[in-house]
Amino acid sequence: MGFSKDQLLNRLQELEIDYSKYEHPPVLTVEEQAKYVSSSEGALSKNLFLKDKKHRYYIVSAMVDTKVDMKVLSQRLGLGKGGIRMAPEEALGELLQVSLGCVTPFAVVNESARDVALLLDQKFKNQTRCIFHPLSNDVSVSLNTLGLDKFLKSIGRDPVYVDLEANPVVGKDQAPDLAVYVPSNSVVVPEVSNKTSTIQNPPPKSVSAEVKPVASAKPSKPAGKVKSVAENSVPLAYKNPEKFVEEIMDKTSALLLSEAKGESVEALAETLRKRLTSDLTHLAIMYKNTAYAEGFYAGTHHQPKRL
């Protein structure tokens, strides 16, 4: 059984996260949501639930006006041009524990979503407050990114903000910059039909809701020395073993403090094991992917001379 909206809101209160709540009739689009929640209360968001060919899932949460090019995003994840698509509707209930129209960054609170990657639009960082559904589309909440980050860290998630409109070169001289965020585990969800989910909370009519390829000139090979992807986009913790271990201890301490109240030692130990297993696996795969990216760079730039 997944978290309910009331449980989620209680969690925000326990964490002393400042938020505002707006109740309204159920809405399936941002256009409908905008009738009840003014843009002056915060920046509305569109949330995509995606799946790759290896049954790995992603939530991409973006500003309404952000243009998300699916082909570019797929390449940046290291999945090729057509390696990602909309997830089937049945996966919403199985993994996110939400219904159609309720996709939200908050869905990763559910244990069933432990292997779902979350990519946040870096434009959120420039907003005073951002608006999301709290697991149900009859309520909206606005909060700042500090509050969202605090919530994500409380469940062992490191917030990942990326430029969703960037179109970096991917090829021999540059490894995919978002490959480190690809989930480590596959999740097979039985599909009862060919029906797939649509973009959750698409933007108003004034903003195009279609995910279209962004036309651009063929990028030229960058001049001079090309830096490794790890130098440009990989957090320091995944390149430094000491920082890596320190991050593991920070996650353990945070979870211990959040779960310790009123639990016996045995129950607490079991809770820690369940909550940390997937998180530490995720950290390990990030470390492995960083090693891959470094190796990719070294292999393409430091080839031995032929005799």
Protein backbone atom coordinates (compact mmCIF):
# COMPACT_ATOMS: atom_id res chain seq x y z
CA MET A 1 0.00 0.00 0.00
CA GLY A 2 1.49 3.32 -1.05
CA PHE A 3 1.56 6.61 0.82
CA SER A 4 -1.67 8.60 0.83
CA LYS A 5 -1.77 12.35 0.31
CA ASP A 6 -2.53 12.83 4.00
CA GLN A 7 0.46 10.72 5.02
CA LEU A 8 2.67 12.68 2.66
CA LEU A 9 1.46 16.04 3.95
CA ASN A 10 2.00 14.83 7.52
CA ARG A 11 5.54 13.87 6.54
CA LEU A 12 6.16 17.39 5.23
CA GLN A 13 4.89 18.81 8.51
CA GLU A 14 7.10 16.46 10.54
CA LEU A 15 10.10 17.66 8.53
CA GLU A 16 9.01 21.27 9.19
CA ILE A 17 8.87 21.98 5.47
CA ASP A 18 6.99 25.15 4.61
CA TYR A 19 4.29 24.52 2.01
CA SER A 20 0.89 25.83 0.95
CA LYS A 21 -2.00 23.52 0.08
CA TYR A 22 -4.72 24.15 -2.52
CA GLU A 23 -7.70 21.83 -2.70
CA HIS A 24 -9.63 21.62 -5.96
CA PRO A 25 -11.62 19.15 -8.11
CA PRO A 26 -9.56 16.34 -9.71
CA VAL A 27 -7.59 17.65 -12.70
CA LEU A 28 -5.79 15.77 -15.46
CA THR A 29 -4.02 18.67 -17.17
CA VAL A 30 -2.08 21.77 -16.18
CA GLU A 31 -4.71 23.81 -18.02
CA GLU A 32 -7.35 22.51 -15.62
CA GLN A 33 -5.04 22.90 -12.63
CA ALA A 34 -4.35 26.54 -13.55
CA LYS A 35 -8.06 27.32 -13.12
CA TYR A 36 -7.75 26.62 -9.40
CA VAL A 37 -4.12 27.40 -8.63
CA SER A 38 -2.80 30.77 -9.72
CA SER A 39 0.66 31.00 -11.23
CA SER A 40 1.33 33.67 -8.63
CA GLU A 41 1.36 30.89 -6.04
CA GLY A 42 4.30 29.21 -7.75
CA ALA A 43 5.54 27.65 -10.96
CA LEU A 44 3.32 24.90 -12.35
CA SER A 45 5.05 21.71 -13.48
CA LYS A 46 4.59 18.94 -16.02
CA ASN A 47 5.64 15.47 -14.97
CA LEU A 48 6.54 12.65 -17.34
CA PHE A 49 6.74 8.99 -16.39
CA LEU A 50 9.11 7.25 -18.79
CA LYS A 51 10.44 3.77 -19.49
CA ASP A 52 13.45 2.51 -21.42
CA LYS A 53 13.87 -0.71 -23.39
CA LYS A 54 15.44 -2.49 -20.41
CA HIS A 55 12.39 -1.86 -18.22
CA ARG A 56 13.98 0.94 -16.20
CA TYR A 57 11.74 3.82 -15.20
CA TYR A 58 12.15 7.58 -14.85
CA ILE A 59 10.16 10.54 -13.55
CA VAL A 60 11.09 13.74 -15.38
CA SER A 61 9.67 16.79 -13.64
CA ALA A 62 9.92 20.00 -15.65
CA MET A 63 8.69 23.56 -15.80
CA VAL A 64 5.66 23.99 -18.04
CA ASP A 65 7.63 25.95 -20.64
CA THR A 66 10.62 23.58 -20.73
CA LYS A 67 10.95 21.77 -24.05
CA VAL A 68 11.90 18.15 -23.44
CA ASP A 69 13.28 16.50 -26.56
CA MET A 70 12.82 12.77 -26.01
CA LYS A 71 15.47 11.76 -28.55
CA VAL A 72 18.06 14.05 -27.02
CA LEU A 73 17.17 12.93 -23.50
CA SER A 74 17.50 9.29 -24.57
CA GLN A 75 20.96 9.94 -26.02
CA ARG A 76 22.07 11.82 -22.93
CA LEU A 77 21.06 8.82 -20.83
CA GLY A 78 23.16 6.58 -23.06
CA LEU A 79 20.10 4.79 -24.48
CA GLY A 80 20.38 5.80 -28.15
CA LYS A 81 17.95 8.04 -30.01
CA GLY A 82 14.82 5.96 -29.48
CA GLY A 83 15.62 4.27 -26.20
CA ILE A 84 12.98 5.90 -24.04
CA ARG A 85 9.21 6.29 -24.25
CA MET A 86 6.14 6.96 -22.12
CA ALA A 87 5.61 4.31 -19.46
CA PRO A 88 2.44 2.19 -19.64
CA GLU A 89 -0.46 3.39 -17.51
CA GLU A 90 -0.48 0.22 -15.40
CA ALA A 91 3.04 1.05 -14.19
CA LEU A 92 1.64 4.15 -12.48
CA GLY A 93 -0.20 2.00 -9.97
CA GLU A 94 2.39 -0.75 -9.71
CA LEU A 95 5.44 1.46 -9.17
CA LEU A 96 4.38 4.99 -8.28
CA GLN A 97 1.18 3.96 -6.46
CA VAL A 98 -0.71 6.84 -8.11
CA SER A 99 -3.42 7.15 -10.74
CA LEU A 100 -3.39 8.91 -14.11
CA GLY A 101 -2.76 12.63 -13.76
CA CYS A 102 -0.98 12.31 -10.42
CA VAL A 103 2.67 11.81 -11.43
CA THR A 104 4.83 13.84 -9.07
CA PRO A 105 8.36 13.89 -7.62
CA PHE A 106 6.76 12.95 -4.28
CA ALA A 107 5.91 9.49 -5.68
CA VAL A 108 9.46 8.28 -4.98
CA VAL A 109 8.50 8.13 -1.30
CA ASN A 110 6.91 4.74 -2.02
CA GLU A 111 9.07 1.66 -1.60
CA SER A 112 7.77 0.32 -4.92
CA ALA A 113 9.40 3.32 -6.64
CA ARG A 114 12.85 2.74 -5.12
CA ASP A 115 14.33 1.94 -8.54
CA VAL A 116 12.66 4.82 -10.38
CA ALA A 117 15.07 7.62 -11.30
CA LEU A 118 13.99 11.22 -10.67
CA LEU A 119 15.30 14.04 -12.87
CA LEU A 120 14.30 17.58 -11.91
CA ASP A 121 14.39 20.62 -14.15
CA GLN A 122 17.17 22.95 -13.01
CA LYS A 123 14.83 25.85 -13.82
CA PHE A 124 13.00 25.02 -10.58
CA LYS A 125 16.03 26.43 -8.77
CA ASN A 126 15.21 29.89 -10.10
CA GLN A 127 11.62 29.84 -8.84
CA THR A 128 10.41 31.17 -5.50
CA ARG A 129 8.01 28.22 -5.19
CA CYS A 130 7.08 25.22 -7.35
CA ILE A 131 3.74 23.44 -7.54
CA PHE A 132 3.21 19.67 -7.54
CA HIS A 133 0.43 17.22 -6.71
CA PRO A 134 0.94 15.45 -3.36
CA LEU A 135 0.16 11.97 -4.84
CA SER A 136 -3.41 13.01 -5.65
CA ASN A 137 -4.69 15.32 -8.38
CA ASP A 138 -7.40 16.91 -6.22
CA VAL A 139 -4.79 18.83 -4.25
CA SER A 140 -1.76 20.93 -5.20
CA VAL A 141 1.06 22.06 -2.94
CA SER A 142 3.60 24.80 -3.47
CA LEU A 143 7.03 24.79 -1.84
CA ASN A 144 10.53 25.95 -2.61
CA THR A 145 13.31 23.69 -3.84
CA LEU A 146 14.98 23.73 -0.42
CA GLY A 147 11.86 22.10 0.99
CA LEU A 148 11.70 19.59 -1.86
CA ASP A 149 15.39 18.77 -1.39
CA LYS A 150 14.89 18.28 2.35
CA PHE A 151 12.05 15.86 1.69
CA LEU A 152 14.03 13.86 -0.88
CA LYS A 153 17.09 13.64 1.38
CA SER A 154 14.88 12.43 4.25
CA ILE A 155 14.02 9.33 2.19
CA GLY A 156 17.60 8.76 1.10
CA ARG A 157 17.34 10.45 -2.29
CA ASP A 158 19.90 12.92 -3.60
CA PRO A 159 18.06 15.63 -5.59
CA VAL A 160 19.21 15.63 -9.23
CA TYR A 161 18.67 18.87 -11.14
CA VAL A 162 19.61 18.89 -14.82
CA ASP A 163 19.29 21.20 -17.80
CA LEU A 164 16.54 19.37 -19.68
CA GLU A 165 16.89 21.61 -22.74
CA ALA A 166 20.63 21.04 -23.18
CA ASN A 167 21.81 19.16 -26.26
CA PRO A 168 25.44 18.22 -25.57
CA VAL A 169 27.59 16.29 -27.99
CA VAL A 170 27.50 12.53 -27.37
CA GLY A 171 30.05 10.42 -29.18
CA LYS A 172 33.66 9.37 -29.27
CA ASP A 173 34.90 12.43 -27.42
CA GLN A 174 32.05 12.77 -24.93
CA ALA A 175 30.23 10.10 -22.95
CA PRO A 176 26.47 10.57 -22.26
CA ASP A 177 26.28 13.19 -19.50
CA LEU A 178 23.20 11.71 -17.78
CA ALA A 179 24.23 8.04 -17.96
CA VAL A 180 25.17 8.05 -14.28
CA TYR A 181 21.50 8.57 -13.39
CA VAL A 182 20.19 5.48 -15.21
CA PRO A 183 18.58 3.13 -12.64
CA SER A 184 20.58 0.05 -11.73
CA ASN A 185 17.61 -2.33 -11.65
CA SER A 186 14.96 -3.31 -14.16
CA VAL A 187 11.32 -3.62 -13.14
CA VAL A 188 9.00 -5.72 -15.28
CA VAL A 189 5.39 -4.58 -15.07
CA PRO A 190 2.83 -6.72 -16.92
CA GLU A 191 1.18 -4.62 -19.61
CA VAL A 192 -2.51 -5.39 -20.09
CA SER A 193 -2.78 -3.39 -23.30
CA ASN A 194 -0.81 -1.24 -25.70
CA LYS A 195 -2.20 1.87 -24.11
CA THR A 196 0.53 4.11 -22.72
CA SER A 197 0.39 7.00 -20.35
CA THR A 198 0.31 10.52 -21.68
CA ILE A 199 2.35 13.42 -20.36
CA GLN A 200 1.13 13.97 -16.82
CA ASN A 201 -0.20 17.48 -16.26
CA PRO A 202 0.50 18.82 -19.79
CA PRO A 203 0.86 22.59 -20.10
CA PRO A 204 -1.93 25.04 -20.98
CA LYS A 205 -2.86 25.67 -24.60
CA SER A 206 -0.63 28.69 -24.69
CA VAL A 207 2.33 26.37 -24.24
CA SER A 208 2.88 23.42 -26.56
CA ALA A 209 2.40 20.12 -24.76
CA GLU A 210 3.88 17.98 -27.49
CA VAL A 211 7.32 16.57 -26.99
CA LYS A 212 8.91 17.42 -30.33
CA PRO A 213 12.47 17.06 -31.55
CA VAL A 214 14.26 20.36 -31.21
CA ALA A 215 15.77 21.38 -34.52
CA SER A 216 19.41 22.30 -34.29
CA ALA A 217 22.43 22.47 -36.48
CA LYS A 218 24.76 19.49 -36.42
CA PRO A 219 27.20 20.23 -33.60
CA SER A 220 30.79 20.62 -34.64
CA LYS A 221 33.56 18.84 -32.83
CA PRO A 222 34.66 21.04 -29.94
CA ALA A 223 38.06 22.58 -30.32
CA GLY A 224 40.86 21.95 -27.91
CA LYS A 225 40.93 19.43 -25.12
CA VAL A 226 37.61 17.77 -24.37
CA LYS A 227 36.91 17.25 -20.68
CA SER A 228 35.63 13.99 -19.31
CA VAL A 229 31.93 13.75 -18.48
CA ALA A 230 32.83 13.05 -14.87
CA GLU A 231 34.62 16.40 -14.69
CA ASN A 232 31.57 18.22 -16.01
CA SER A 233 28.53 16.54 -14.51
CA VAL A 234 29.32 13.78 -12.01
CA PRO A 235 29.10 14.70 -8.31
CA LEU A 236 32.45 14.64 -6.48
CA ALA A 237 31.23 11.90 -4.15
CA TYR A 238 31.25 9.39 -7.00
CA LYS A 239 34.87 10.09 -7.93
CA ASN A 240 36.32 10.09 -4.41
CA PRO A 241 36.11 6.88 -2.29
CA GLU A 242 36.27 8.82 0.99
CA LYS A 243 33.43 11.10 -0.09
CA PHE A 244 31.51 8.05 -1.31
CA VAL A 245 31.74 6.38 2.12
CA GLU A 246 30.93 9.69 3.83
CA GLU A 247 27.74 9.95 1.77
CA ILE A 248 26.75 6.42 2.77
CA MET A 249 27.21 7.31 6.44
CA ASP A 250 25.22 10.52 6.00
CA LYS A 251 22.32 8.58 4.46
CA THR A 252 22.47 6.01 7.27
CA SER A 253 22.51 8.68 9.97
CA ALA A 254 19.63 10.61 8.41
CA LEU A 255 17.49 7.50 8.09
CA LEU A 256 18.34 6.40 11.64
CA LEU A 257 17.26 9.75 13.06
CA SER A 258 14.04 9.79 11.04
CA GLU A 259 13.00 6.23 11.94
CA ALA A 260 14.31 5.80 15.49
CA LYS A 261 11.32 7.26 17.35
CA GLY A 262 9.35 4.62 19.20
CA GLU A 263 10.84 1.55 17.47
CA SER A 264 12.53 -1.43 19.07
CA VAL A 265 16.10 -2.23 18.10
CA GLU A 266 14.98 -5.25 16.05
CA ALA A 267 12.28 -3.32 14.19
CA LEU A 268 14.65 -0.43 13.57
CA ALA A 269 17.32 -2.76 12.20
CA GLU A 270 14.83 -4.33 9.81
CA THR A 271 13.60 -0.89 8.70
CA LEU A 272 17.15 0.27 8.05
CA ARG A 273 17.93 -2.86 6.06
CA LYS A 274 14.85 -2.46 3.86
CA ARG A 275 15.30 1.27 3.28
CA LEU A 276 19.06 1.28 2.80
CA THR A 277 19.49 -1.74 0.54
CA SER A 278 18.12 -0.05 -2.57
CA ASP A 279 19.71 3.31 -1.72
CA LEU A 280 23.18 1.85 -1.26
CA THR A 281 22.75 -0.22 -4.41
CA HIS A 282 21.90 3.00 -6.23
CA LEU A 283 25.03 4.68 -4.84
CA ALA A 284 27.16 1.73 -5.90
CA ILE A 285 25.82 1.79 -9.46
CA MET A 286 26.48 5.54 -9.63
CA TYR A 287 30.07 4.84 -8.60
CA LYS A 288 30.30 2.09 -11.23
CA ASN A 289 28.85 4.33 -13.93
CA THR A 290 31.32 7.05 -13.03
CA ALA A 291 34.14 4.56 -13.45
CA TYR A 292 32.66 3.66 -16.86
CA ALA A 293 32.55 7.33 -17.87
CA GLU A 294 36.16 7.86 -16.79
CA GLY A 295 37.19 4.71 -18.61
CA PHE A 296 35.32 5.81 -21.72
CA TYR A 297 37.18 9.11 -21.72
CA ALA A 298 40.55 7.49 -21.05
CA GLY A 299 40.01 4.90 -23.77
CA THR A 300 39.20 7.51 -26.41
CA HIS A 301 41.92 9.97 -25.50
CA HIS A 302 44.88 7.92 -24.31
CA GLN A 303 45.26 5.20 -26.89
CA PRO A 304 48.77 3.68 -27.18
CA LYS A 305 50.73 4.52 -30.28
CA ARG A 306 50.86 1.86 -32.94
CA LEU A 307 54.27 0.33 -33.66
